[in-house]
Amino acid sequence: MEVIIFEKESYFRLQRELIRMFQKALEETEAKKNLEDWISETEASTILPYKSKKKWSQLRATGKIRFMQTGRKICYSRKSILQFMERNALKM
């Protein structure tokens, strides 16, 4: 068994650094989670009230909103929908 001895100040400095690293990792994880929040077609249509499948298809085809498709299921990026709405909002 090996024993490592620290000076008191070195130990607390190491402890603060580890806490800072863990906090940074947690913040980065939360930022990534919030960055892209994928939602279903049903939820997307409550935010952007287009009922026509053709309109949603046009938005996807023209790249105006981000989406991903797995099999037949399509999910939309909530962030890209909000950005689309902001770009197309009437300026008074």
N, C-alpha and C. Protein backbone atom coordinates (compact mmCIF):
# COMPACT_ATOMS: atom_id res chain seq x y z
N MET A 1 0.84 -1.17 0.00
CA MET A 1 0.00 0.00 0.00
C MET A 1 0.89 1.24 0.00
N GLU A 2 0.56 2.17 -0.88
CA GLU A 2 1.31 3.41 -0.95
C GLU A 2 0.54 4.53 -0.28
N VAL A 3 1.25 5.39 0.34
CA VAL A 3 0.64 6.53 1.01
C VAL A 3 1.15 7.79 0.33
N ILE A 4 0.23 8.67 -0.03
CA ILE A 4 0.58 9.94 -0.64
C ILE A 4 0.25 11.03 0.36
N ILE A 5 1.21 11.88 0.60
CA ILE A 5 1.02 12.93 1.59
C ILE A 5 0.97 14.27 0.85
N PHE A 6 -0.04 15.08 1.17
CA PHE A 6 -0.21 16.41 0.60
C PHE A 6 -0.06 17.45 1.69
N GLU A 7 0.42 18.60 1.28
CA GLU A 7 0.33 19.73 2.18
C GLU A 7 -1.14 20.12 2.22
N LYS A 8 -1.54 20.70 3.30
CA LYS A 8 -2.95 21.07 3.48
C LYS A 8 -3.43 21.96 2.33
N GLU A 9 -2.66 22.99 1.99
CA GLU A 9 -3.05 23.92 0.92
C GLU A 9 -3.11 23.21 -0.44
N SER A 10 -2.18 22.31 -0.71
CA SER A 10 -2.19 21.56 -1.97
C SER A 10 -3.43 20.68 -2.08
N TYR A 11 -3.81 20.06 -0.97
CA TYR A 11 -5.01 19.23 -0.95
C TYR A 11 -6.25 20.06 -1.29
N PHE A 12 -6.40 21.22 -0.65
CA PHE A 12 -7.57 22.05 -0.90
C PHE A 12 -7.56 22.62 -2.32
N ARG A 13 -6.37 22.94 -2.84
CA ARG A 13 -6.26 23.42 -4.22
C ARG A 13 -6.71 22.31 -5.19
N LEU A 14 -6.26 21.08 -4.94
CA LEU A 14 -6.68 19.95 -5.76
C LEU A 14 -8.18 19.73 -5.67
N GLN A 15 -8.73 19.84 -4.48
CA GLN A 15 -10.17 19.67 -4.26
C GLN A 15 -10.96 20.72 -5.04
N ARG A 16 -10.52 22.00 -4.97
CA ARG A 16 -11.20 23.08 -5.72
C ARG A 16 -11.14 22.83 -7.21
N GLU A 17 -9.99 22.38 -7.69
CA GLU A 17 -9.82 22.11 -9.13
C GLU A 17 -10.75 20.98 -9.58
N LEU A 18 -10.85 19.93 -8.79
CA LEU A 18 -11.74 18.82 -9.14
C LEU A 18 -13.20 19.27 -9.15
N ILE A 19 -13.59 20.06 -8.18
CA ILE A 19 -14.97 20.58 -8.14
C ILE A 19 -15.23 21.43 -9.38
N ARG A 20 -14.26 22.30 -9.74
CA ARG A 20 -14.41 23.15 -10.93
C ARG A 20 -14.55 22.29 -12.19
N MET A 21 -13.75 21.24 -12.29
CA MET A 21 -13.83 20.36 -13.46
C MET A 21 -15.19 19.66 -13.55
N PHE A 22 -15.69 19.18 -12.41
CA PHE A 22 -16.99 18.51 -12.40
C PHE A 22 -18.11 19.48 -12.77
N GLN A 23 -18.03 20.71 -12.25
CA GLN A 23 -19.05 21.71 -12.57
C GLN A 23 -19.03 22.04 -14.06
N LYS A 24 -17.84 22.18 -14.63
CA LYS A 24 -17.72 22.48 -16.06
C LYS A 24 -18.29 21.34 -16.90
N ALA A 25 -17.98 20.11 -16.52
CA ALA A 25 -18.51 18.96 -17.25
C ALA A 25 -20.03 18.92 -17.17
N LEU A 26 -20.58 19.21 -16.01
CA LEU A 26 -22.03 19.23 -15.83
C LEU A 26 -22.66 20.33 -16.68
N GLU A 27 -22.06 21.52 -16.70
CA GLU A 27 -22.58 22.62 -17.50
C GLU A 27 -22.54 22.29 -18.99
N GLU A 28 -21.47 21.66 -19.45
CA GLU A 28 -21.37 21.28 -20.86
C GLU A 28 -22.43 20.24 -21.23
N THR A 29 -22.67 19.31 -20.33
CA THR A 29 -23.70 18.29 -20.57
C THR A 29 -25.07 18.93 -20.67
N GLU A 30 -25.37 19.85 -19.75
CA GLU A 30 -26.66 20.55 -19.77
C GLU A 30 -26.79 21.40 -21.02
N ALA A 31 -25.71 22.06 -21.43
CA ALA A 31 -25.75 22.91 -22.62
C ALA A 31 -26.03 22.07 -23.86
N LYS A 32 -25.40 20.91 -23.97
CA LYS A 32 -25.64 20.04 -25.12
C LYS A 32 -27.07 19.53 -25.12
N LYS A 33 -27.58 19.21 -23.93
CA LYS A 33 -28.95 18.71 -23.83
C LYS A 33 -29.95 19.77 -24.27
N ASN A 34 -29.70 21.02 -23.88
CA ASN A 34 -30.60 22.10 -24.22
C ASN A 34 -30.41 22.60 -25.64
N LEU A 35 -29.22 22.36 -26.20
CA LEU A 35 -28.93 22.85 -27.53
C LEU A 35 -29.87 22.25 -28.57
N GLU A 36 -30.05 20.97 -28.55
CA GLU A 36 -30.95 20.32 -29.49
C GLU A 36 -31.97 19.51 -28.71
N ASP A 37 -33.18 19.94 -28.75
CA ASP A 37 -34.26 19.26 -28.06
C ASP A 37 -35.20 18.73 -29.15
N TRP A 38 -35.07 17.48 -29.49
CA TRP A 38 -35.86 16.89 -30.58
C TRP A 38 -37.27 16.58 -30.10
N ILE A 39 -38.24 16.96 -30.92
CA ILE A 39 -39.65 16.77 -30.57
C ILE A 39 -40.39 16.06 -31.69
N SER A 40 -41.52 15.47 -31.35
CA SER A 40 -42.32 14.73 -32.32
C SER A 40 -43.05 15.68 -33.27
N GLU A 41 -43.59 15.12 -34.35
CA GLU A 41 -44.37 15.92 -35.31
C GLU A 41 -45.57 16.57 -34.62
N THR A 42 -46.21 15.83 -33.75
CA THR A 42 -47.39 16.35 -33.05
C THR A 42 -47.02 17.57 -32.20
N GLU A 43 -45.95 17.46 -31.45
CA GLU A 43 -45.53 18.58 -30.61
C GLU A 43 -45.05 19.75 -31.47
N ALA A 44 -44.37 19.46 -32.56
CA ALA A 44 -43.90 20.51 -33.47
C ALA A 44 -45.08 21.30 -34.03
N SER A 45 -46.16 20.60 -34.34
CA SER A 45 -47.31 21.29 -34.93
C SER A 45 -48.08 22.13 -33.89
N THR A 46 -47.81 21.91 -32.60
CA THR A 46 -48.41 22.79 -31.60
C THR A 46 -47.62 24.09 -31.49
N ILE A 47 -46.33 24.03 -31.80
CA ILE A 47 -45.50 25.24 -31.78
C ILE A 47 -45.69 26.04 -33.06
N LEU A 48 -45.60 25.35 -34.18
CA LEU A 48 -45.76 25.97 -35.49
C LEU A 48 -47.01 25.34 -36.11
N PRO A 49 -48.13 26.02 -36.06
CA PRO A 49 -49.42 25.37 -36.35
C PRO A 49 -49.73 25.10 -37.83
N TYR A 50 -48.81 24.41 -38.50
CA TYR A 50 -49.10 23.95 -39.86
C TYR A 50 -49.69 22.55 -39.74
N LYS A 51 -50.86 22.35 -40.30
CA LYS A 51 -51.51 21.04 -40.21
C LYS A 51 -51.24 20.19 -41.45
N SER A 52 -50.85 20.84 -42.52
CA SER A 52 -50.63 20.14 -43.78
C SER A 52 -49.30 19.37 -43.78
N LYS A 53 -49.35 18.10 -44.11
CA LYS A 53 -48.14 17.29 -44.24
C LYS A 53 -47.25 17.84 -45.34
N LYS A 54 -47.89 18.42 -46.38
CA LYS A 54 -47.14 18.98 -47.50
C LYS A 54 -46.30 20.18 -47.04
N LYS A 55 -46.85 21.02 -46.18
CA LYS A 55 -46.12 22.19 -45.68
C LYS A 55 -44.91 21.75 -44.86
N TRP A 56 -45.10 20.75 -43.99
CA TRP A 56 -43.98 20.24 -43.20
C TRP A 56 -42.91 19.64 -44.11
N SER A 57 -43.36 18.95 -45.14
CA SER A 57 -42.42 18.37 -46.10
C SER A 57 -41.62 19.45 -46.81
N GLN A 58 -42.26 20.56 -47.16
CA GLN A 58 -41.58 21.68 -47.81
C GLN A 58 -40.54 22.30 -46.87
N LEU A 59 -40.91 22.46 -45.62
CA LEU A 59 -39.98 23.03 -44.65
C LEU A 59 -38.73 22.14 -44.50
N ARG A 60 -38.95 20.83 -44.50
CA ARG A 60 -37.82 19.90 -44.41
C ARG A 60 -36.97 19.96 -45.67
N ALA A 61 -37.63 19.91 -46.83
CA ALA A 61 -36.92 19.85 -48.12
C ALA A 61 -36.10 21.11 -48.38
N THR A 62 -36.59 22.25 -47.95
CA THR A 62 -35.87 23.50 -48.19
C THR A 62 -34.85 23.81 -47.09
N GLY A 63 -34.79 22.97 -46.07
CA GLY A 63 -33.82 23.16 -45.00
C GLY A 63 -34.16 24.29 -44.05
N LYS A 64 -35.41 24.69 -44.04
CA LYS A 64 -35.81 25.79 -43.17
C LYS A 64 -35.89 25.37 -41.70
N ILE A 65 -36.14 24.09 -41.48
CA ILE A 65 -36.10 23.56 -40.11
C ILE A 65 -35.32 22.25 -40.13
N ARG A 66 -34.65 21.96 -39.02
CA ARG A 66 -33.87 20.73 -38.92
C ARG A 66 -34.78 19.58 -38.49
N PHE A 67 -34.48 18.42 -39.00
CA PHE A 67 -35.25 17.24 -38.63
C PHE A 67 -34.35 16.03 -38.69
N MET A 68 -34.81 14.96 -38.10
CA MET A 68 -34.14 13.66 -38.24
C MET A 68 -35.22 12.62 -38.42
N GLN A 69 -34.88 11.60 -39.15
CA GLN A 69 -35.86 10.56 -39.43
C GLN A 69 -35.26 9.20 -39.13
N THR A 70 -36.01 8.42 -38.39
CA THR A 70 -35.65 7.05 -38.08
C THR A 70 -36.81 6.18 -38.55
N GLY A 71 -36.58 5.46 -39.62
CA GLY A 71 -37.68 4.70 -40.21
C GLY A 71 -38.73 5.66 -40.72
N ARG A 72 -39.96 5.51 -40.24
CA ARG A 72 -41.04 6.41 -40.65
C ARG A 72 -41.25 7.56 -39.68
N LYS A 73 -40.58 7.51 -38.54
CA LYS A 73 -40.76 8.54 -37.51
C LYS A 73 -39.86 9.74 -37.80
N ILE A 74 -40.46 10.93 -37.77
CA ILE A 74 -39.73 12.17 -38.00
C ILE A 74 -39.78 13.00 -36.73
N CYS A 75 -38.63 13.51 -36.33
CA CYS A 75 -38.55 14.42 -35.19
C CYS A 75 -37.96 15.74 -35.67
N TYR A 76 -38.37 16.82 -35.03
CA TYR A 76 -37.93 18.15 -35.40
C TYR A 76 -37.14 18.79 -34.28
N SER A 77 -36.23 19.66 -34.65
CA SER A 77 -35.46 20.42 -33.68
C SER A 77 -36.31 21.59 -33.20
N ARG A 78 -36.59 21.60 -31.91
CA ARG A 78 -37.39 22.69 -31.33
C ARG A 78 -36.67 24.02 -31.58
N LYS A 79 -35.35 24.03 -31.43
CA LYS A 79 -34.58 25.25 -31.61
C LYS A 79 -34.73 25.79 -33.04
N SER A 80 -34.67 24.90 -34.03
CA SER A 80 -34.78 25.37 -35.42
C SER A 80 -36.19 25.89 -35.73
N ILE A 81 -37.19 25.32 -35.11
CA ILE A 81 -38.56 25.81 -35.31
C ILE A 81 -38.69 27.22 -34.72
N LEU A 82 -38.14 27.42 -33.53
CA LEU A 82 -38.20 28.75 -32.91
C LEU A 82 -37.40 29.77 -33.72
N GLN A 83 -36.27 29.35 -34.27
CA GLN A 83 -35.48 30.25 -35.12
C GLN A 83 -36.25 30.59 -36.40
N PHE A 84 -36.92 29.61 -36.98
CA PHE A 84 -37.74 29.83 -38.18
C PHE A 84 -38.82 30.85 -37.88
N MET A 85 -39.46 30.71 -36.72
CA MET A 85 -40.53 31.65 -36.34
C MET A 85 -39.95 33.05 -36.16
N GLU A 86 -38.80 33.15 -35.55
CA GLU A 86 -38.17 34.45 -35.34
C GLU A 86 -37.81 35.11 -36.68
N ARG A 87 -37.26 34.33 -37.60
CA ARG A 87 -36.90 34.87 -38.93
C ARG A 87 -38.12 35.36 -39.68
N ASN A 88 -39.25 34.73 -39.47
CA ASN A 88 -40.45 35.04 -40.23
C ASN A 88 -41.47 35.88 -39.47
N ALA A 89 -41.08 36.37 -38.31
CA ALA A 89 -41.98 37.21 -37.52
C ALA A 89 -42.12 38.57 -38.19
N LEU A 90 -43.30 39.12 -38.10
CA LEU A 90 -43.52 40.47 -38.65
C LEU A 90 -42.84 41.49 -37.76
N LYS A 91 -42.09 42.37 -38.38
CA LYS A 91 -41.42 43.44 -37.63
C LYS A 91 -42.30 44.67 -37.69
N MET A 92 -42.71 45.18 -36.57
CA MET A 92 -43.58 46.36 -36.51
C MET A 92 -42.77 47.58 -36.14
